[in-house]
PDB file of N, CA and C in Angstrom:
ATOM      1  N   MET A   1       7.700 -46.638 -93.811  1.00  0.00           N
ATOM      2  CA  MET A   1       7.563 -46.564 -92.374  1.00  0.00           C
ATOM      3  C   MET A   1       7.262 -45.118 -91.992  1.00  0.00           C
ATOM      4  N   THR A   2       6.231 -44.927 -91.184  1.00  0.00           N
ATOM      5  CA  THR A   2       5.841 -43.585 -90.763  1.00  0.00           C
ATOM      6  C   THR A   2       6.510 -43.219 -89.444  1.00  0.00           C
ATOM      7  N   LYS A   3       6.395 -41.935 -89.081  1.00  0.00           N
ATOM      8  CA  LYS A   3       6.975 -41.484 -87.818  1.00  0.00           C
ATOM      9  C   LYS A   3       6.331 -42.227 -86.646  1.00  0.00           C
ATOM     10  N   ALA A   4       5.020 -42.456 -86.709  1.00  0.00           N
ATOM     11  CA  ALA A   4       4.326 -43.175 -85.638  1.00  0.00           C
ATOM     12  C   ALA A   4       4.855 -44.607 -85.507  1.00  0.00           C
ATOM     13  N   GLU A   5       5.135 -45.256 -86.640  1.00  0.00           N
ATOM     14  CA  GLU A   5       5.687 -46.610 -86.611  1.00  0.00           C
ATOM     15  C   GLU A   5       7.098 -46.620 -86.036  1.00  0.00           C
ATOM     16  N   ILE A   6       7.876 -45.608 -86.368  1.00  0.00           N
ATOM     17  CA  ILE A   6       9.235 -45.496 -85.821  1.00  0.00           C
ATOM     18  C   ILE A   6       9.170 -45.328 -84.306  1.00  0.00           C
ATOM     19  N   ILE A   7       8.276 -44.463 -83.845  1.00  0.00           N
ATOM     20  CA  ILE A   7       8.121 -44.227 -82.404  1.00  0.00           C
ATOM     21  C   ILE A   7       7.698 -45.511 -81.699  1.00  0.00           C
ATOM     22  N   ALA A   8       6.741 -46.246 -82.280  1.00  0.00           N
ATOM     23  CA  ALA A   8       6.275 -47.492 -81.676  1.00  0.00           C
ATOM     24  C   ALA A   8       7.390 -48.526 -81.600  1.00  0.00           C
ATOM     25  N   GLU A   9       8.209 -48.619 -82.663  1.00  0.00           N
ATOM     26  CA  GLU A   9       9.299 -49.604 -82.669  1.00  0.00           C
ATOM     27  C   GLU A   9      10.381 -49.246 -81.653  1.00  0.00           C
ATOM     28  N   ILE A  10      10.740 -47.966 -81.578  1.00  0.00           N
ATOM     29  CA  ILE A  10      11.743 -47.546 -80.584  1.00  0.00           C
ATOM     30  C   ILE A  10      11.228 -47.818 -79.177  1.00  0.00           C
ATOM     31  N   SER A  11       9.956 -47.523 -78.958  1.00  0.00           N
ATOM     32  CA  SER A  11       9.355 -47.750 -77.650  1.00  0.00           C
ATOM     33  C   SER A  11       9.381 -49.231 -77.266  1.00  0.00           C
ATOM     34  N   SER A  12       9.055 -50.099 -78.205  1.00  0.00           N
ATOM     35  CA  SER A  12       9.040 -51.531 -77.903  1.00  0.00           C
ATOM     36  C   SER A  12      10.445 -52.095 -77.699  1.00  0.00           C
ATOM     37  N   LYS A  13      11.439 -51.558 -78.424  1.00  0.00           N
ATOM     38  CA  LYS A  13      12.811 -52.062 -78.292  1.00  0.00           C
ATOM     39  C   LYS A  13      13.507 -51.552 -77.036  1.00  0.00           C
ATOM     40  N   THR A  14      13.144 -50.344 -76.582  1.00  0.00           N
ATOM     41  CA  THR A  14      13.845 -49.756 -75.438  1.00  0.00           C
ATOM     42  C   THR A  14      13.060 -49.837 -74.137  1.00  0.00           C
ATOM     43  N   GLY A  15      11.742 -50.037 -74.235  1.00  0.00           N
ATOM     44  CA  GLY A  15      10.920 -50.065 -73.036  1.00  0.00           C
ATOM     45  C   GLY A  15      10.561 -48.682 -72.530  1.00  0.00           C
ATOM     46  N   ILE A  16      10.900 -47.649 -73.296  1.00  0.00           N
ATOM     47  CA  ILE A  16      10.570 -46.271 -72.926  1.00  0.00           C
ATOM     48  C   ILE A  16       9.150 -45.985 -73.409  1.00  0.00           C
ATOM     49  N   GLU A  17       8.405 -45.209 -72.633  1.00  0.00           N
ATOM     50  CA  GLU A  17       7.026 -44.871 -72.989  1.00  0.00           C
ATOM     51  C   GLU A  17       6.973 -44.170 -74.350  1.00  0.00           C
ATOM     52  N   LYS A  18       5.913 -44.452 -75.114  1.00  0.00           N
ATOM     53  CA  LYS A  18       5.762 -43.853 -76.445  1.00  0.00           C
ATOM     54  C   LYS A  18       5.740 -42.332 -76.383  1.00  0.00           C
ATOM     55  N   VAL A  19       5.135 -41.770 -75.337  1.00  0.00           N
ATOM     56  CA  VAL A  19       5.062 -40.313 -75.204  1.00  0.00           C
ATOM     57  C   VAL A  19       6.461 -39.714 -75.095  1.00  0.00           C
ATOM     58  N   ASP A  20       7.325 -40.351 -74.312  1.00  0.00           N
ATOM     59  CA  ASP A  20       8.698 -39.867 -74.138  1.00  0.00           C
ATOM     60  C   ASP A  20       9.496 -40.005 -75.431  1.00  0.00           C
ATOM     61  N   VAL A  21       9.301 -41.123 -76.120  1.00  0.00           N
ATOM     62  CA  VAL A  21       9.996 -41.339 -77.394  1.00  0.00           C
ATOM     63  C   VAL A  21       9.528 -40.300 -78.418  1.00  0.00           C
ATOM     64  N   GLN A  22       8.219 -40.034 -78.444  1.00  0.00           N
ATOM     65  CA  GLN A  22       7.690 -39.049 -79.386  1.00  0.00           C
ATOM     66  C   GLN A  22       8.274 -37.670 -79.122  1.00  0.00           C
ATOM     67  N   GLU A  23       8.359 -37.261 -77.858  1.00  0.00           N
ATOM     68  CA  GLU A  23       8.949 -35.966 -77.516  1.00  0.00           C
ATOM     69  C   GLU A  23      10.400 -35.886 -77.964  1.00  0.00           C
ATOM     70  N   THR A  24      11.142 -36.981 -77.786  1.00  0.00           N
ATOM     71  CA  THR A  24      12.551 -37.014 -78.184  1.00  0.00           C
ATOM     72  C   THR A  24      12.695 -36.923 -79.701  1.00  0.00           C
ATOM     73  N   VAL A  25      11.897 -37.692 -80.429  1.00  0.00           N
ATOM     74  CA  VAL A  25      11.961 -37.680 -81.895  1.00  0.00           C
ATOM     75  C   VAL A  25      11.568 -36.297 -82.424  1.00  0.00           C
ATOM     76  N   GLU A  26      10.503 -35.723 -81.866  1.00  0.00           N
ATOM     77  CA  GLU A  26      10.075 -34.380 -82.281  1.00  0.00           C
ATOM     78  C   GLU A  26      11.168 -33.343 -81.989  1.00  0.00           C
ATOM     79  N   ALA A  27      11.814 -33.460 -80.833  1.00  0.00           N
ATOM     80  CA  ALA A  27      12.892 -32.530 -80.481  1.00  0.00           C
ATOM     81  C   ALA A  27      14.062 -32.669 -81.449  1.00  0.00           C
ATOM     82  N   PHE A  28      14.393 -33.915 -81.834  1.00  0.00           N
ATOM     83  CA  PHE A  28      15.475 -34.138 -82.793  1.00  0.00           C
ATOM     84  C   PHE A  28      15.170 -33.433 -84.113  1.00  0.00           C
ATOM     85  N   PHE A  29      13.961 -33.648 -84.629  1.00  0.00           N
ATOM     86  CA  PHE A  29      13.598 -33.021 -85.900  1.00  0.00           C
ATOM     87  C   PHE A  29      13.575 -31.496 -85.794  1.00  0.00           C
ATOM     88  N   LYS A  30      13.130 -30.986 -84.656  1.00  0.00           N
ATOM     89  CA  LYS A  30      13.091 -29.538 -84.451  1.00  0.00           C
ATOM     90  C   LYS A  30      14.502 -28.951 -84.467  1.00  0.00           C
ATOM     91  N   VAL A  31      15.449 -29.645 -83.828  1.00  0.00           N
ATOM     92  CA  VAL A  31      16.842 -29.180 -83.799  1.00  0.00           C
ATOM     93  C   VAL A  31      17.441 -29.224 -85.212  1.00  0.00           C
ATOM     94  N   VAL A  32      17.189 -30.312 -85.953  1.00  0.00           N
ATOM     95  CA  VAL A  32      17.716 -30.434 -87.320  1.00  0.00           C
ATOM     96  C   VAL A  32      17.145 -29.328 -88.202  1.00  0.00           C
ATOM     97  N   LYS A  33      15.836 -29.128 -88.145  1.00  0.00           N
ATOM     98  CA  LYS A  33      15.204 -28.073 -88.957  1.00  0.00           C
ATOM     99  C   LYS A  33      15.747 -26.699 -88.602  1.00  0.00           C
ATOM    100  N   GLY A  34      15.836 -26.417 -87.292  1.00  0.00           N
ATOM    101  CA  GLY A  34      16.333 -25.117 -86.848  1.00  0.00           C
ATOM    102  C   GLY A  34      17.757 -24.861 -87.292  1.00  0.00           C
ATOM    103  N   SER A  35      18.589 -25.879 -87.211  1.00  0.00           N
ATOM    104  CA  SER A  35      19.980 -25.730 -87.644  1.00  0.00           C
ATOM    105  C   SER A  35      20.065 -25.467 -89.135  1.00  0.00           C
ATOM    106  N   MET A  36      19.263 -26.192 -89.907  1.00  0.00           N
ATOM    107  CA  MET A  36      19.313 -26.025 -91.357  1.00  0.00           C
ATOM    108  C   MET A  36      18.746 -24.678 -91.792  1.00  0.00           C
ATOM    109  N   VAL A  37      17.705 -24.199 -91.114  1.00  0.00           N
ATOM    110  CA  VAL A  37      17.159 -22.878 -91.412  1.00  0.00           C
ATOM    111  C   VAL A  37      18.215 -21.810 -91.143  1.00  0.00           C
ATOM    112  N   ALA A  38      19.036 -22.030 -90.110  1.00  0.00           N
ATOM    113  CA  ALA A  38      20.114 -21.097 -89.773  1.00  0.00           C
ATOM    114  C   ALA A  38      21.319 -21.249 -90.701  1.00  0.00           C
ATOM    115  N   GLY A  39      21.263 -22.208 -91.630  1.00  0.00           N
ATOM    116  CA  GLY A  39      22.350 -22.390 -92.585  1.00  0.00           C
ATOM    117  C   GLY A  39      23.424 -23.366 -92.138  1.00  0.00           C
ATOM    118  N   GLU A  40      23.187 -24.073 -91.037  1.00  0.00           N
ATOM    119  CA  GLU A  40      24.163 -25.029 -90.526  1.00  0.00           C
ATOM    120  C   GLU A  40      23.842 -26.433 -91.017  1.00  0.00           C
ATOM    121  N   ASN A  41      24.876 -27.198 -91.327  1.00  0.00           N
ATOM    122  CA  ASN A  41      24.704 -28.595 -91.698  1.00  0.00           C
ATOM    123  C   ASN A  41      24.687 -29.450 -90.436  1.00  0.00           C
ATOM    124  N   VAL A  42      24.019 -30.617 -90.511  1.00  0.00           N
ATOM    125  CA  VAL A  42      23.934 -31.531 -89.373  1.00  0.00           C
ATOM    126  C   VAL A  42      24.552 -32.856 -89.796  1.00  0.00           C
ATOM    127  N   TYR A  43      25.549 -33.318 -89.057  1.00  0.00           N
ATOM    128  CA  TYR A  43      26.261 -34.550 -89.391  1.00  0.00           C
ATOM    129  C   TYR A  43      25.974 -35.614 -88.327  1.00  0.00           C
ATOM    130  N   VAL A  44      25.465 -36.780 -88.757  1.00  0.00           N
ATOM    131  CA  VAL A  44      25.208 -37.889 -87.846  1.00  0.00           C
ATOM    132  C   VAL A  44      26.099 -39.042 -88.313  1.00  0.00           C
ATOM    133  N   ARG A  45      27.194 -39.279 -87.591  1.00  0.00           N
ATOM    134  CA  ARG A  45      28.178 -40.280 -87.979  1.00  0.00           C
ATOM    135  C   ARG A  45      27.532 -41.660 -88.126  1.00  0.00           C
ATOM    136  N   GLY A  46      27.800 -42.316 -89.239  1.00  0.00           N
ATOM    137  CA  GLY A  46      27.265 -43.647 -89.501  1.00  0.00           C
ATOM    138  C   GLY A  46      25.880 -43.637 -90.127  1.00  0.00           C
ATOM    139  N   PHE A  47      25.232 -42.474 -90.177  1.00  0.00           N
ATOM    140  CA  PHE A  47      23.894 -42.374 -90.763  1.00  0.00           C
ATOM    141  C   PHE A  47      23.916 -41.488 -91.998  1.00  0.00           C
ATOM    142  N   GLY A  48      24.349 -40.240 -91.833  1.00  0.00           N
ATOM    143  CA  GLY A  48      24.421 -39.341 -92.980  1.00  0.00           C
ATOM    144  C   GLY A  48      24.463 -37.895 -92.554  1.00  0.00           C
ATOM    145  N   SER A  49      24.363 -37.023 -93.553  1.00  0.00           N
ATOM    146  CA  SER A  49      24.449 -35.591 -93.321  1.00  0.00           C
ATOM    147  C   SER A  49      23.226 -34.887 -93.884  1.00  0.00           C
ATOM    148  N   PHE A  50      22.663 -33.991 -93.082  1.00  0.00           N
ATOM    149  CA  PHE A  50      21.598 -33.112 -93.541  1.00  0.00           C
ATOM    150  C   PHE A  50      22.299 -31.817 -93.916  1.00  0.00           C
ATOM    151  N   VAL A  51      22.310 -31.485 -95.202  1.00  0.00           N
ATOM    152  CA  VAL A  51      23.076 -30.332 -95.665  1.00  0.00           C
ATOM    153  C   VAL A  51      22.173 -29.334 -96.383  1.00  0.00           C
ATOM    154  N   VAL A  52      22.600 -28.071 -96.332  1.00  0.00           N
ATOM    155  CA  VAL A  52      21.909 -27.000 -97.033  1.00  0.00           C
ATOM    156  C   VAL A  52      22.666 -26.763 -98.335  1.00  0.00           C
ATOM    157  N   LYS A  53      21.961 -26.926 -99.463  1.00  0.00           N
ATOM    158  CA  LYS A  53      22.595 -26.736-100.769  1.00  0.00           C
ATOM    159  C   LYS A  53      22.121 -25.437-101.396  1.00  0.00           C
ATOM    160  N   LYS A  54      23.047 -24.755-102.061  1.00  0.00           N
ATOM    161  CA  LYS A  54      22.733 -23.499-102.726  1.00  0.00           C
ATOM    162  C   LYS A  54      22.410 -23.775-104.191  1.00  0.00           C
ATOM    163  N   ARG A  55      21.265 -23.303-104.634  1.00  0.00           N
ATOM    164  CA  ARG A  55      20.880 -23.412-106.042  1.00  0.00           C
ATOM    165  C   ARG A  55      21.146 -22.055-106.695  1.00  0.00           C
ATOM    166  N   ALA A  56      21.838 -22.062-107.807  1.00  0.00           N
ATOM    167  CA  ALA A  56      22.205 -20.829-108.487  1.00  0.00           C
ATOM    168  C   ALA A  56      20.996 -20.201-109.181  1.00  0.00           C
ATOM    169  N   LYS A  57      21.085 -18.917-109.456  1.00  0.00           N
ATOM    170  CA  LYS A  57      20.057 -18.201-110.210  1.00  0.00           C
ATOM    171  C   LYS A  57      19.994 -18.798-111.605  1.00  0.00           C
ATOM    172  N   LYS A  58      18.770 -18.968-112.134  1.00  0.00           N
ATOM    173  CA  LYS A  58      18.659 -19.533-113.479  1.00  0.00           C
ATOM    174  C   LYS A  58      17.420 -18.993-114.175  1.00  0.00           C
ATOM    175  N   THR A  59      17.409 -19.174-115.477  1.00  0.00           N
ATOM    176  CA  THR A  59      16.271 -18.777-116.295  1.00  0.00           C
ATOM    177  C   THR A  59      15.480 -20.018-116.660  1.00  0.00           C
ATOM    178  N   ALA A  60      14.172 -19.964-116.424  1.00  0.00           N
ATOM    179  CA  ALA A  60      13.295 -21.090-116.755  1.00  0.00           C
ATOM    180  C   ALA A  60      12.241 -20.608-117.739  1.00  0.00           C
ATOM    181  N   ARG A  61      11.469 -21.536-118.302  1.00  0.00           N
ATOM    182  CA  ARG A  61      10.431 -21.184-119.264  1.00  0.00           C
ATOM    183  C   ARG A  61       9.067 -21.577-118.719  1.00  0.00           C
ATOM    184  N   ASN A  62       8.100 -20.661-118.858  1.00  0.00           N
ATOM    185  CA  ASN A  62       6.704 -20.984-118.591  1.00  0.00           C
ATOM    186  C   ASN A  62       6.122 -21.384-119.941  1.00  0.00           C
ATOM    187  N   ILE A  63       5.955 -22.677-120.154  1.00  0.00           N
ATOM    188  CA  ILE A  63       5.560 -23.198-121.462  1.00  0.00           C
ATOM    189  C   ILE A  63       4.169 -22.725-121.859  1.00  0.00           C
ATOM    190  N   SER A  64       3.229 -22.659-120.909  1.00  0.00           N
ATOM    191  CA  SER A  64       1.855 -22.279-121.262  1.00  0.00           C
ATOM    192  C   SER A  64       1.755 -20.834-121.738  1.00  0.00           C
ATOM    193  N   LYS A  65       2.569 -19.927-121.187  1.00  0.00           N
ATOM    194  CA  LYS A  65       2.545 -18.523-121.600  1.00  0.00           C
ATOM    195  C   LYS A  65       3.697 -18.174-122.533  1.00  0.00           C
ATOM    196  N   ASN A  66       4.616 -19.116-122.740  1.00  0.00           N
ATOM    197  CA  ASN A  66       5.795 -18.917-123.579  1.00  0.00           C
ATOM    198  C   ASN A  66       6.597 -17.691-123.142  1.00  0.00           C
ATOM    199  N   THR A  67       6.885 -17.627-121.839  1.00  0.00           N
ATOM    200  CA  THR A  67       7.669 -16.526-121.300  1.00  0.00           C
ATOM    201  C   THR A  67       8.835 -17.067-120.486  1.00  0.00           C
ATOM    202  N   ALA A  68       9.843 -16.222-120.339  1.00  0.00           N
ATOM    203  CA  ALA A  68      11.005 -16.586-119.532  1.00  0.00           C
ATOM    204  C   ALA A  68      10.774 -16.119-118.101  1.00  0.00           C
ATOM    205  N   ILE A  69      11.206 -16.936-117.147  1.00  0.00           N
ATOM    206  CA  ILE A  69      11.081 -16.616-115.725  1.00  0.00           C
ATOM    207  C   ILE A  69      12.472 -16.707-115.109  1.00  0.00           C
ATOM    208  N   ILE A  70      12.806 -15.720-114.315  1.00  0.00           N
ATOM    209  CA  ILE A  70      14.080 -15.749-113.595  1.00  0.00           C
ATOM    210  C   ILE A  70      13.816 -16.367-112.223  1.00  0.00           C
ATOM    211  N   ILE A  71      14.492 -17.468-111.929  1.00  0.00           N
ATOM    212  CA  ILE A  71      14.403 -18.091-110.616  1.00  0.00           C
ATOM    213  C   ILE A  71      15.632 -17.637-109.833  1.00  0.00           C
ATOM    214  N   PRO A  72      15.423 -16.892-108.747  1.00  0.00           N
ATOM    215  CA  PRO A  72      16.583 -16.374-108.000  1.00  0.00           C
ATOM    216  C   PRO A  72      17.345 -17.488-107.287  1.00  0.00           C
ATOM    217  N   GLU A  73      18.570 -17.164-106.884  1.00  0.00           N
ATOM    218  CA  GLU A  73      19.356 -18.141-106.140  1.00  0.00           C
ATOM    219  C   GLU A  73      18.634 -18.427-104.824  1.00  0.00           C
ATOM    220  N   HIS A  74      18.661 -19.695-104.406  1.00  0.00           N
ATOM    221  CA  HIS A  74      17.970 -20.090-103.181  1.00  0.00           C
ATOM    222  C   HIS A  74      18.651 -21.309-102.578  1.00  0.00           C
ATOM    223  N   PHE A  75      18.229 -21.656-101.372  1.00  0.00           N
ATOM    224  CA  PHE A  75      18.818 -22.782-100.651  1.00  0.00           C
ATOM    225  C   PHE A  75      17.774 -23.872-100.462  1.00  0.00           C
ATOM    226  N   VAL A  76      18.204 -25.134-100.556  1.00  0.00           N
ATOM    227  CA  VAL A  76      17.303 -26.271-100.373  1.00  0.00           C
ATOM    228  C   VAL A  76      17.939 -27.280 -99.412  1.00  0.00           C
ATOM    229  N   PRO A  77      17.099 -27.958 -98.606  1.00  0.00           N
ATOM    230  CA  PRO A  77      17.640 -28.995 -97.732  1.00  0.00           C
ATOM    231  C   PRO A  77      17.936 -30.263 -98.528  1.00  0.00           C
ATOM    232  N   SER A  78      18.944 -30.998 -98.100  1.00  0.00           N
ATOM    233  CA  SER A  78      19.331 -32.229 -98.784  1.00  0.00           C
ATOM    234  C   SER A  78      19.865 -33.219 -97.751  1.00  0.00           C
ATOM    235  N   PHE A  79      19.796 -34.509 -98.096  1.00  0.00           N
ATOM    236  CA  PHE A  79      20.338 -35.543 -97.221  1.00  0.00           C
ATOM    237  C   PHE A  79      21.342 -36.364 -98.009  1.00  0.00           C
ATOM    238  N   LYS A  80      22.517 -36.565 -97.430  1.00  0.00           N
ATOM    239  CA  LYS A  80      23.536 -37.398 -98.050  1.00  0.00           C
ATOM    240  C   LYS A  80      23.843 -38.545 -97.097  1.00  0.00           C
ATOM    241  N   PRO A  81      23.477 -39.788 -97.469  1.00  0.00           N
ATOM    242  CA  PRO A  81      23.720 -40.913 -96.559  1.00  0.00           C
ATOM    243  C   PRO A  81      25.210 -41.214 -96.420  1.00  0.00           C
ATOM    244  N   ALA A  82      25.582 -41.744 -95.251  1.00  0.00           N
ATOM    245  CA  ALA A  82      26.966 -42.144 -94.995  1.00  0.00           C
ATOM    246  C   ALA A  82      27.297 -43.375 -95.838  1.00  0.00           C
ATOM    247  N   LYS A  83      28.575 -43.559 -96.142  1.00  0.00           N
ATOM    248  CA  LYS A  83      29.004 -44.701 -96.960  1.00  0.00           C
ATOM    249  C   LYS A  83      28.617 -46.029 -96.324  1.00  0.00           C
ATOM    250  N   THR A  84      28.766 -46.137 -95.008  1.00  0.00           N
ATOM    251  CA  THR A  84      28.413 -47.389 -94.323  1.00  0.00           C
ATOM    252  C   THR A  84      26.911 -47.661 -94.422  1.00  0.00           C
ATOM    253  N   PHE A  85      26.110 -46.619 -94.361  1.00  0.00           N
ATOM    254  CA  PHE A  85      24.660 -46.746 -94.484  1.00  0.00           C
ATOM    255  C   PHE A  85      24.291 -47.220 -95.888  1.00  0.00           C
ATOM    256  N   VAL A  86      24.916 -46.640 -96.902  1.00  0.00           N
ATOM    257  CA  VAL A  86      24.661 -47.020 -98.296  1.00  0.00           C
ATOM    258  C   VAL A  86      25.032 -48.488 -98.514  1.00  0.00           C
ATOM    259  N   GLU A  87      26.167 -48.904 -97.981  1.00  0.00           N
ATOM    260  CA  GLU A  87      26.603 -50.293 -98.141  1.00  0.00           C
ATOM    261  C   GLU A  87      25.635 -51.269 -97.476  1.00  0.00           C
ATOM    262  N   LYS A  88      25.127 -50.912 -96.299  1.00  0.00           N
ATOM    263  CA  LYS A  88      24.159 -51.782 -95.617  1.00  0.00           C
ATOM    264  C   LYS A  88      22.874 -51.915 -96.424  1.00  0.00           C
ATOM    265  N   VAL A  89      22.427 -50.819 -97.027  1.00  0.00           N
ATOM    266  CA  VAL A  89      21.214 -50.877 -97.842  1.00  0.00           C
ATOM    267  C   VAL A  89      21.459 -51.719 -99.088  1.00  0.00           C
ATOM    268  N   LYS A  90      22.616 -51.543 -99.711  1.00  0.00           N
ATOM    269  CA  LYS A  90      22.944 -52.312-100.918  1.00  0.00           C
ATOM    270  C   LYS A  90      23.020 -53.804-100.636  1.00  0.00           C
ATOM    271  N   SER A  91      23.581 -54.175 -99.502  1.00  0.00           N
ATOM    272  CA  SER A  91      23.743 -55.593 -99.172  1.00  0.00           C
ATOM    273  C   SER A  91      22.552 -56.135 -98.395  1.00  0.00           C
ATOM    274  N   GLY A  92      21.493 -55.326 -98.247  1.00  0.00           N
ATOM    275  CA  GLY A  92      20.293 -55.737 -97.516  1.00  0.00           C
ATOM    276  C   GLY A  92      19.523 -56.820 -98.259  1.00  0.00           C
ATOM    277  N   ASN A  93      18.319 -57.063 -97.792  1.00  0.00           N
ATOM    278  CA  ASN A  93      17.461 -58.117 -98.338  1.00  0.00           C
ATOM    279  C   ASN A  93      17.058 -57.795 -99.777  1.00  0.00           C
ATOM    280  N   LYS A  94      17.581 -58.539-100.735  1.00  0.00           N
ATOM    281  CA  LYS A  94      17.314 -58.302-102.156  1.00  0.00           C
ATOM    282  C   LYS A  94      15.904 -58.744-102.536  1.00  0.00           C
ATOM    283  N   THR A  95      15.325 -59.700-101.820  1.00  0.00           N
ATOM    284  CA  THR A  95      13.984 -60.202-102.183  1.00  0.00           C
ATOM    285  C   THR A  95      12.908 -59.181-101.856  1.00  0.00           C
ATOM    286  N   ALA A  96      13.159 -58.242-100.952  1.00  0.00           N
ATOM    287  CA  ALA A  96      12.156 -57.226-100.608  1.00  0.00           C
ATOM    288  C   ALA A  96      11.890 -56.340-101.823  1.00  0.00           C
ATOM    289  N   LYS A  97      12.933 -56.015-102.588  1.00  0.00           N
ATOM    290  CA  LYS A  97      12.756 -55.186-103.785  1.00  0.00           C
ATOM    291  C   LYS A  97      11.992 -55.928-104.860  1.00  0.00           C
ATOM    292  N   ALA A  98      12.239 -57.200-105.010  1.00  0.00           N
ATOM    293  CA  ALA A  98      11.605 -57.975-106.067  1.00  0.00           C
ATOM    294  C   ALA A  98      10.109 -58.148-105.830  1.00  0.00           C
ATOM    295  N   SER A  99       9.690 -58.194-104.557  1.00  0.00           N
ATOM    296  CA  SER A  99       8.279 -58.419-104.258  1.00  0.00           C
ATOM    297  C   SER A  99       7.447 -57.151-104.364  1.00  0.00           C
ATOM    298  N   LYS A 100       8.080 -55.971-104.374  1.00  0.00           N
ATOM    299  CA  LYS A 100       7.314 -54.719-104.429  1.00  0.00           C
ATOM    300  C   LYS A 100       6.983 -54.312-105.811  1.00  0.00           C
TER     301      LYS A 100
END
C-alpha cells in the first residue's frame, strides 16, 4: 500500500478532502522525522515505536581491495511494533500470505 492509497482510503472512510488528509499525513511524517533527527523516540500507543538506535563503531572488510575499513559509531531509525499490533497481524488473514 502506497502513501497515496493510504490517503485515498482515509479520505473515503472519514469524508475529509484528500488534500486535507494529505497535509495531515505529511505533517505527521515531518514531525516523526524531525523528532528522530533530534534524537527523540516517538511512541504511538497500540501501533508501535519509532526509535533511534545507536550502532557501535566496528571494523569491516572491503573484499574487492582486501582492506579494513573503520565504520564509526552512528545512529539509525528503527520501528518496533506494539504487541497488540503484532498479534493482530499474526491472527490476520492467513490465505493472503499463501496466495502471494
